């Protein structure tokens, strides 16, 4: 077969369309040289946080958001790959926000207040990072009864002052930081007394924490949050009365028949409790800070098919740093 020279221009004219039909759709996308872009529907990206392809994903070459989780053991344990709420948050925001867990087992607001400078420095704050979002999840240990062997009791008025101080210090680093306070969960007194006896060798007829006292600290946490015009996730209320929770639409699918099942030892969260916190927290973020919804944040660095390897490192240069 022969091809006349006059047909060559027509061949080059239709070549892109021919390739679009023959090659996979993702290979037909070209990465612009801008700092962010919107992927066309044909460029689908498989995200770790969802089971279905995500279309029209905005991509950024700038640093992703920085999320900071401050708290006690309930936060420390939340990074567990076995359904921890912090791990779920990190997975949901993969490549959209860096989630840093700074939870410390046994800590009270007094402990965190004294250690806060070192805690923030260990997270690169403020020298390298300024948090865009932070949770302050403290009070389960403050609510320990006075005079008990743990020595963790912090009076409720001091608890409120410590919470305010911690929040104000975080805001002083980044005035636009989005804060969410999280109250202590309820206490299953029977299960916790058993935990104290078997796990810690405590000899006592009553537990060192009670549900009504935990409720007082939850109310105090809400008071501080309201005074700072910040949202508060009241776990003490919502776990016990989920149907009346303002976040019921987000937690409905993970509600258990008995609130005690949210706790694995009367105090710390079970797998079901972690799912409850994760769903409630993501719901509160959607309501209070819609701009931080994961589907509204850009994906950090382009998907592989969009990388212009001919540019080398320049393909990943952040225009904001030039």
Protein backbone atom coordinates (compact mmCIF):
# COMPACT_ATOMS: atom_id res chain seq x y z
CA UNK A 1 0.00 0.00 0.00
CA UNK A 2 1.28 3.51 -0.82
CA UNK A 3 0.54 6.80 0.87
CA UNK A 4 0.69 10.05 -1.07
CA UNK A 5 2.49 13.03 0.42
CA UNK A 6 -0.73 15.01 0.33
CA UNK A 7 -2.25 12.62 2.87
CA UNK A 8 0.55 13.16 5.42
CA UNK A 9 -0.85 16.41 6.90
CA UNK A 10 -4.21 14.72 7.36
CA UNK A 11 -2.50 11.82 9.14
CA UNK A 12 -0.83 14.15 11.64
CA UNK A 13 -4.10 16.01 12.10
CA UNK A 14 -6.00 12.88 13.11
CA UNK A 15 -3.10 11.20 14.97
CA UNK A 16 -4.12 12.46 18.48
CA UNK A 17 -7.63 11.12 18.03
CA UNK A 18 -6.33 7.77 16.82
CA UNK A 19 -3.99 7.48 19.84
CA UNK A 20 -6.81 8.42 22.21
CA UNK A 21 -8.76 5.43 20.97
CA UNK A 22 -5.84 3.01 21.10
CA UNK A 23 -4.07 4.00 24.36
CA UNK A 24 -5.40 3.81 27.97
CA UNK A 25 -7.22 6.97 28.97
CA UNK A 26 -4.79 7.82 31.78
CA UNK A 27 -1.86 7.95 29.36
CA UNK A 28 -3.57 10.63 27.30
CA UNK A 29 -3.48 13.17 30.14
CA UNK A 30 -0.77 15.79 30.15
CA UNK A 31 0.47 17.52 33.30
CA UNK A 32 0.27 21.32 33.07
CA UNK A 33 3.06 23.37 34.60
CA UNK A 34 0.76 25.09 37.10
CA UNK A 35 0.85 24.59 40.86
CA UNK A 36 -2.57 22.92 40.89
CA UNK A 37 -4.82 21.38 38.32
CA UNK A 38 -8.09 19.58 37.86
CA UNK A 39 -7.82 16.13 36.39
CA UNK A 40 -10.17 15.41 33.50
CA UNK A 41 -12.75 12.66 34.06
CA UNK A 42 -10.71 10.23 31.95
CA UNK A 43 -7.83 10.39 34.45
CA UNK A 44 -9.02 8.23 37.32
CA UNK A 45 -6.95 7.96 40.50
CA UNK A 46 -7.25 5.04 42.89
CA UNK A 47 -7.23 6.48 46.41
CA UNK A 48 -6.32 4.44 49.50
CA UNK A 49 -9.25 5.90 51.41
CA UNK A 50 -11.98 4.76 49.05
CA UNK A 51 -12.86 1.64 47.13
CA UNK A 52 -14.02 3.48 44.00
CA UNK A 53 -11.99 5.61 41.58
CA UNK A 54 -11.98 9.34 42.27
CA UNK A 55 -12.49 11.64 39.31
CA UNK A 56 -11.73 15.34 38.88
CA UNK A 57 -9.02 15.30 41.53
CA UNK A 58 -7.24 18.58 42.10
CA UNK A 59 -3.47 18.18 42.37
CA UNK A 60 -1.05 20.46 44.19
CA UNK A 61 2.73 20.66 44.25
CA UNK A 62 2.62 22.66 47.49
CA UNK A 63 2.89 21.14 50.96
CA UNK A 64 -0.28 19.29 52.09
CA UNK A 65 -2.31 20.35 55.11
CA UNK A 66 -0.97 19.56 58.58
CA UNK A 67 -3.33 17.93 61.10
CA UNK A 68 -2.26 17.65 64.75
CA UNK A 69 -3.88 15.30 67.27
CA UNK A 70 -3.21 16.28 70.90
CA UNK A 71 -4.36 14.05 73.72
CA UNK A 72 -3.81 11.21 76.15
CA UNK A 73 -3.80 7.43 75.65
CA UNK A 74 -7.10 7.51 73.75
CA UNK A 75 -5.31 9.58 71.12
CA UNK A 76 -2.03 7.64 71.38
CA UNK A 77 -3.84 4.35 70.77
CA UNK A 78 -5.84 5.84 67.89
CA UNK A 79 -3.00 5.13 65.45
CA UNK A 80 -3.63 1.41 65.78
CA UNK A 81 -4.06 -0.17 62.34
CA UNK A 82 -6.88 -2.22 63.84
CA UNK A 83 -9.47 0.49 63.21
CA UNK A 84 -7.99 3.30 65.32
CA UNK A 85 -9.79 6.60 64.76
CA UNK A 86 -6.51 8.43 64.15
CA UNK A 87 -5.47 5.82 61.60
CA UNK A 88 -8.84 6.17 59.90
CA UNK A 89 -8.38 9.94 59.76
CA UNK A 90 -4.89 9.56 58.30
CA UNK A 91 -6.16 7.07 55.72
CA UNK A 92 -9.08 9.30 54.76
CA UNK A 93 -6.73 12.23 54.20
CA UNK A 94 -3.87 10.29 52.62
CA UNK A 95 -1.84 12.64 50.37
CA UNK A 96 -4.20 15.46 51.31
CA UNK A 97 -3.10 16.13 54.90
CA UNK A 98 -0.30 14.85 57.11
CA UNK A 99 -1.90 13.59 60.33
CA UNK A 100 0.50 13.65 63.28
CA UNK A 101 -0.44 11.83 66.48
CA UNK A 102 0.79 13.45 69.69
CA UNK A 103 -1.12 11.44 72.24
CA UNK A 104 0.55 10.55 75.54
CA UNK A 105 -0.69 7.75 77.74
CA UNK A 106 -1.65 8.83 81.25
CA UNK A 107 -1.37 12.57 80.51
CA UNK A 108 -3.76 15.11 81.98
CA UNK A 109 -4.27 18.69 80.82
CA UNK A 110 -1.74 19.66 83.50
CA UNK A 111 0.84 17.27 82.04
CA UNK A 112 0.16 18.48 78.50
CA UNK A 113 0.34 22.12 79.52
CA UNK A 114 3.79 21.65 81.04
CA UNK A 115 5.02 19.50 78.15
CA UNK A 116 3.34 21.43 75.33
CA UNK A 117 6.44 23.22 74.05
CA UNK A 118 8.36 19.95 73.73
CA UNK A 119 5.32 18.20 72.25
CA UNK A 120 4.93 20.84 69.55
CA UNK A 121 8.67 20.94 68.84
CA UNK A 122 8.67 17.17 68.32
CA UNK A 123 6.01 17.67 65.64
CA UNK A 124 8.09 20.33 63.90
CA UNK A 125 5.90 23.14 65.23
CA UNK A 126 6.41 26.03 64.67
CA UNK A 127 9.82 25.88 62.96
CA UNK A 128 8.82 23.59 60.08
CA UNK A 129 5.04 23.33 60.30
CA UNK A 130 2.02 25.28 61.45
CA UNK A 131 -1.06 23.16 62.12
CA UNK A 132 -4.04 23.78 59.86
CA UNK A 133 -6.27 21.59 62.03
CA UNK A 134 -5.96 20.22 65.55
CA UNK A 135 -7.94 18.07 67.95
CA UNK A 136 -7.63 18.53 71.70
CA UNK A 137 -8.83 15.34 73.34
CA UNK A 138 -8.08 15.45 77.08
CA UNK A 139 -9.97 14.94 80.32
CA UNK A 140 -10.38 11.20 80.83
CA UNK A 141 -7.45 11.23 83.26
CA UNK A 142 -8.20 14.66 84.77
CA UNK A 143 -11.55 13.19 85.83
CA UNK A 144 -9.89 10.58 88.07
CA UNK A 145 -11.20 10.89 91.62
CA UNK A 146 -9.00 12.83 94.08
CA UNK A 147 -6.95 10.87 96.56
CA UNK A 148 -6.68 7.75 94.41
CA UNK A 149 -3.40 6.01 93.68
CA UNK A 150 -3.09 7.21 90.08
CA UNK A 151 -2.52 10.80 91.21
CA UNK A 152 -4.09 12.05 87.98
CA UNK A 153 -6.95 14.12 89.37
CA UNK A 154 -7.09 17.69 88.10
CA UNK A 155 -9.85 19.94 89.55
CA UNK A 156 -12.43 20.88 86.95
CA UNK A 157 -11.65 24.62 87.08
CA UNK A 158 -7.96 23.96 86.49
CA UNK A 159 -8.94 21.54 83.74
CA UNK A 160 -10.82 24.30 81.94
CA UNK A 161 -7.95 26.74 82.33
CA UNK A 162 -5.46 24.19 81.01
CA UNK A 163 -7.65 23.44 78.00
CA UNK A 164 -7.87 27.14 77.19
CA UNK A 165 -4.12 27.53 77.54
CA UNK A 166 -3.35 24.61 75.23
CA UNK A 167 -5.80 25.85 72.60
CA UNK A 168 -4.52 29.42 72.82
CA UNK A 169 -0.92 28.28 72.38
CA UNK A 170 -1.84 26.35 69.25
CA UNK A 171 -3.76 29.36 67.90
CA UNK A 172 -0.82 31.63 68.69
CA UNK A 173 1.26 29.57 66.26
CA UNK A 174 -1.38 29.69 63.54
CA UNK A 175 -4.30 32.06 64.06
CA UNK A 176 -6.34 30.33 61.34
CA UNK A 177 -5.97 26.83 62.78
CA UNK A 178 -9.24 24.91 62.86
CA UNK A 179 -9.76 23.43 66.34
CA UNK A 180 -12.05 20.65 67.53
CA UNK A 181 -12.32 19.82 71.22
CA UNK A 182 -13.25 16.22 72.10
CA UNK A 183 -14.70 15.40 75.51
CA UNK A 184 -13.89 12.33 77.60
CA UNK A 185 -16.06 9.33 76.70
CA UNK A 186 -18.41 7.79 79.27
CA UNK A 187 -17.01 5.44 81.91
CA UNK A 188 -18.22 1.88 82.33
CA UNK A 189 -17.59 1.72 86.07
CA UNK A 190 -18.02 -2.03 86.47
CA UNK A 191 -15.62 -2.87 83.65
CA UNK A 192 -13.09 -0.23 84.70
CA UNK A 193 -12.97 -1.45 88.30
CA UNK A 194 -12.24 -4.93 86.94
CA UNK A 195 -9.47 -3.46 84.77
CA UNK A 196 -7.91 -1.63 87.73
CA UNK A 197 -7.90 -4.79 89.81
CA UNK A 198 -6.60 -7.23 87.20
CA UNK A 199 -4.35 -5.03 85.07
CA UNK A 200 -2.94 -2.61 87.60
CA UNK A 201 -3.30 -4.53 90.85
CA UNK A 202 -5.44 -1.84 92.48
CA UNK A 203 -7.10 -2.92 95.70
CA UNK A 204 -10.38 -1.02 95.90
CA UNK A 205 -14.11 -1.55 96.18
CA UNK A 206 -14.98 1.33 93.81
CA UNK A 207 -13.38 2.52 90.58
CA UNK A 208 -11.13 5.58 90.46
CA UNK A 209 -13.36 7.11 87.77
CA UNK A 210 -17.12 7.43 87.63
CA UNK A 211 -19.47 8.18 84.76
CA UNK A 212 -21.18 11.20 86.40
CA UNK A 213 -17.80 12.85 87.08
CA UNK A 214 -16.69 12.17 83.51
CA UNK A 215 -19.89 13.94 82.47
CA UNK A 216 -18.89 17.01 84.48
CA UNK A 217 -15.57 17.20 82.65
CA UNK A 218 -17.33 16.72 79.33
CA UNK A 219 -19.58 19.67 80.13
CA UNK A 220 -16.54 21.72 81.14
CA UNK A 221 -14.84 20.87 77.84
CA UNK A 222 -17.93 22.03 75.94
CA UNK A 223 -17.91 25.26 77.93
CA UNK A 224 -14.31 25.99 76.98
CA UNK A 225 -14.97 25.18 73.33
CA UNK A 226 -18.00 27.46 73.25
CA UNK A 227 -16.01 30.26 74.83
CA UNK A 228 -13.42 29.95 72.08
CA UNK A 229 -16.06 29.64 69.33
CA UNK A 230 -14.76 26.18 68.46
CA UNK A 231 -16.80 23.02 67.80
CA UNK A 232 -16.84 20.26 70.39
CA UNK A 233 -17.43 16.55 69.91
CA UNK A 234 -19.22 15.47 73.08
CA UNK A 235 -18.54 11.74 73.25
CA UNK A 236 -19.94 11.43 76.75
CA UNK A 237 -23.35 12.58 75.54
CA UNK A 238 -23.36 11.16 72.01
CA UNK A 239 -22.23 7.65 72.90
CA UNK A 240 -24.94 7.31 75.52
CA UNK A 241 -27.68 9.09 73.55
CA UNK A 242 -26.72 8.84 69.88
CA UNK A 243 -30.25 9.46 68.57
CA UNK A 244 -30.22 12.95 70.08
CA UNK A 245 -26.75 13.77 68.76
CA UNK A 246 -26.51 16.59 66.18
CA UNK A 247 -24.15 14.25 64.33
CA UNK A 248 -26.56 11.29 64.23
CA UNK A 249 -26.59 11.23 60.43
CA UNK A 250 -22.85 10.52 60.49
CA UNK A 251 -22.80 7.96 63.30
CA UNK A 252 -26.07 6.15 62.61
CA UNK A 253 -24.39 3.23 60.84
CA UNK A 254 -21.92 2.59 63.69
CA UNK A 255 -24.30 2.92 66.65
CA UNK A 256 -24.20 -0.08 69.00
CA UNK A 257 -27.15 -1.34 71.11
CA UNK A 258 -25.14 -0.77 74.30
CA UNK A 259 -22.81 2.20 74.78
CA UNK A 260 -20.56 0.04 76.97
CA UNK A 261 -19.45 -1.78 73.81
CA UNK A 262 -17.61 1.38 72.71
CA UNK A 263 -15.09 0.70 75.51
CA UNK A 264 -12.75 -2.28 75.77
CA UNK A 265 -11.83 -1.88 79.44
CA UNK A 266 -14.34 0.60 80.76
CA UNK A 267 -12.19 3.60 79.72
CA UNK A 268 -10.35 3.10 76.42
CA UNK A 269 -12.02 2.71 73.06
CA UNK A 270 -12.88 -0.63 71.51
CA UNK A 271 -12.92 -1.14 67.75
CA UNK A 272 -16.57 -0.06 67.78
CA UNK A 273 -15.68 3.00 69.85
CA UNK A 274 -12.92 3.98 67.44
CA UNK A 275 -15.37 3.68 64.53
CA UNK A 276 -17.81 5.89 66.43
CA UNK A 277 -15.18 8.59 67.03
CA UNK A 278 -13.90 8.45 63.45
CA UNK A 279 -17.37 8.84 61.95
CA UNK A 280 -18.41 11.55 64.38
CA UNK A 281 -15.17 13.50 63.90
CA UNK A 282 -15.33 13.35 60.11
CA UNK A 283 -18.95 14.42 60.31
CA UNK A 284 -18.11 17.37 62.55
CA UNK A 285 -15.31 18.43 60.20
CA UNK A 286 -17.81 18.39 57.33
CA UNK A 287 -20.29 20.49 59.30
CA UNK A 288 -17.93 22.94 61.01
CA UNK A 289 -15.08 23.16 58.50
CA UNK A 290 -16.42 22.17 55.07
CA UNK A 291 -13.28 23.50 53.38
CA UNK A 292 -11.36 20.71 55.13
CA UNK A 293 -13.52 17.94 53.73
CA UNK A 294 -11.19 15.41 52.10
CA UNK A 295 -12.94 15.77 48.75
CA UNK A 296 -12.21 19.50 48.80
CA UNK A 297 -8.48 19.23 49.42
CA UNK A 298 -6.00 18.79 46.57
CA UNK A 299 -3.97 15.63 46.14
CA UNK A 300 -0.29 16.14 47.01
CA UNK A 301 1.82 15.52 43.89
CA UNK A 302 0.42 14.21 40.62
CA UNK A 303 -0.59 10.61 39.93
CA UNK A 304 2.11 8.65 38.11
CA UNK A 305 0.56 8.87 34.62
CA UNK A 306 0.66 12.68 34.82
CA UNK A 307 4.34 13.05 35.70
CA UNK A 308 6.46 14.73 33.03
CA UNK A 309 9.63 12.72 33.58
CA UNK A 310 11.44 14.70 30.86
CA UNK A 311 11.49 17.64 33.31
CA UNK A 312 13.22 15.64 36.06
CA UNK A 313 13.04 17.28 39.48
CA UNK A 314 11.61 20.42 37.89
CA UNK A 315 8.36 18.51 37.35
CA UNK A 316 7.89 18.54 41.14
CA UNK A 317 9.11 22.06 41.89
CA UNK A 318 6.73 24.03 44.05
CA UNK A 319 5.93 27.28 42.22
CA UNK A 320 5.21 28.93 45.58
CA UNK A 321 8.88 28.48 46.56
CA UNK A 322 10.29 30.14 43.44
